[in-house]
Amino acid sequence: MKELITAEMVREMAAKSLKQIFVSSNTIMTHAARDQAAELGLEVVEGVSAASASEGKDLKGIRDAVVQCLKDEFKDQPLNEETVRTIVKRVIDRLGCG
């Protein structure tokens, strides 16, 4: 089944500080969603899923998202298991994988 990305979904991604939207061959992104992404400054990455990006050359983007999340949310906190889970969830949300 194809995944659909709408303008409303793009606004939600931007609200989560997402910087890129991964559009695979299994994804349909509406024209309004593409326009909304451009207006909000989100990069649309064609031909790659978020999952495959995490395995390949986009690891820098994932690392950057983790670093930014740490800076934003966990400045002076020790990293315990719950904190790590929270970080992973936020990174997934920012990358639009969740």
Protein backbone atom coordinates (compact mmCIF):
# COMPACT_ATOMS: atom_id res chain seq x y z
CA MET A 1 0.00 0.00 0.00
CA LYS A 2 1.27 3.45 -0.90
CA GLU A 3 1.97 6.07 1.76
CA LEU A 4 0.30 9.46 1.29
CA ILE A 5 1.88 12.74 2.41
CA THR A 6 -0.51 15.69 2.64
CA ALA A 7 0.03 19.40 3.29
CA GLU A 8 -1.28 18.94 6.85
CA MET A 9 1.26 16.17 7.46
CA VAL A 10 4.02 18.46 6.18
CA ARG A 11 2.94 21.17 8.65
CA GLU A 12 3.06 18.58 11.45
CA MET A 13 6.55 17.50 10.38
CA ALA A 14 7.73 21.12 10.35
CA ALA A 15 6.28 21.64 13.83
CA LYS A 16 8.49 18.74 14.95
CA SER A 17 11.56 20.51 13.51
CA LEU A 18 11.89 18.07 10.63
CA LYS A 19 14.32 19.30 7.96
CA GLN A 20 13.85 16.61 5.30
CA ILE A 21 10.97 14.55 3.97
CA PHE A 22 11.97 11.24 2.42
CA VAL A 23 9.78 10.25 -0.54
CA SER A 24 10.27 6.68 -1.74
CA SER A 25 8.74 5.02 -4.79
CA ASN A 26 6.07 3.78 -2.39
CA THR A 27 5.03 7.33 -1.42
CA ILE A 28 2.56 9.74 -2.97
CA MET A 29 3.12 13.37 -2.02
CA THR A 30 0.37 15.76 -3.03
CA HIS A 31 1.15 18.96 -4.94
CA ALA A 32 -0.15 20.94 -1.97
CA ALA A 33 2.23 19.00 0.31
CA ARG A 34 5.18 19.80 -1.96
CA ASP A 35 4.20 23.47 -2.03
CA GLN A 36 3.85 23.48 1.77
CA ALA A 37 7.27 21.83 2.18
CA ALA A 38 8.86 24.49 -0.03
CA GLU A 39 7.15 27.30 1.88
CA LEU A 40 8.33 25.87 5.21
CA GLY A 41 11.88 25.20 3.99
CA LEU A 42 11.72 21.40 4.21
CA GLU A 43 13.86 19.51 1.73
CA VAL A 44 12.04 16.77 -0.20
CA VAL A 45 14.45 13.86 -0.78
CA GLU A 46 13.20 11.76 -3.70
CA GLY A 47 13.78 8.07 -4.28
CA VAL A 48 14.86 7.10 -0.79
CA SER A 49 12.92 5.98 2.24
CA ALA A 50 13.78 7.22 5.71
CA ALA A 51 14.72 3.65 6.64
CA SER A 52 17.17 3.26 3.75
CA ALA A 53 18.57 6.72 4.42
CA SER A 54 19.45 5.61 7.92
CA GLU A 55 21.47 2.75 6.40
CA GLY A 56 23.33 4.78 3.81
CA LYS A 57 24.95 8.08 3.13
CA ASP A 58 22.41 10.11 5.09
CA LEU A 59 23.82 8.95 8.44
CA LYS A 60 25.20 12.46 8.87
CA GLY A 61 21.64 13.78 8.84
CA ILE A 62 20.63 11.31 11.51
CA ARG A 63 23.69 12.15 13.59
CA ASP A 64 22.96 15.85 13.22
CA ALA A 65 19.35 15.27 14.29
CA VAL A 66 20.50 13.38 17.39
CA VAL A 67 23.03 16.07 18.28
CA GLN A 68 20.45 18.83 17.84
CA CYS A 69 17.93 16.91 19.91
CA LEU A 70 20.50 16.49 22.68
CA LYS A 71 21.32 20.19 22.59
CA ASP A 72 17.66 21.21 22.58
CA GLU A 73 16.25 18.87 25.16
CA PHE A 74 18.91 17.26 27.32
CA LYS A 75 21.51 19.90 28.03
CA ASP A 76 22.54 18.93 31.56
CA GLN A 77 20.83 15.57 32.04
CA PRO A 78 22.63 12.23 32.36
CA LEU A 79 21.82 9.73 29.63
CA ASN A 80 19.89 6.84 31.14
CA GLU A 81 17.79 4.26 29.27
CA GLU A 82 14.61 6.34 29.40
CA THR A 83 16.43 9.42 28.14
CA VAL A 84 17.91 7.44 25.24
CA ARG A 85 14.44 6.12 24.30
CA THR A 86 13.12 9.67 24.34
CA ILE A 87 15.97 10.83 22.11
CA VAL A 88 15.38 8.02 19.64
CA LYS A 89 11.64 8.78 19.50
CA ARG A 90 12.27 12.47 18.86
CA VAL A 91 14.82 11.75 16.15
CA ILE A 92 12.39 9.37 14.46
CA ASP A 93 9.68 12.02 14.70
CA ARG A 94 11.97 14.70 13.26
CA LEU A 95 12.94 12.45 10.38
CA GLY A 96 9.33 11.57 9.70
CA CYS A 97 9.88 7.85 10.14
CA GLY A 98 7.39 7.29 12.89
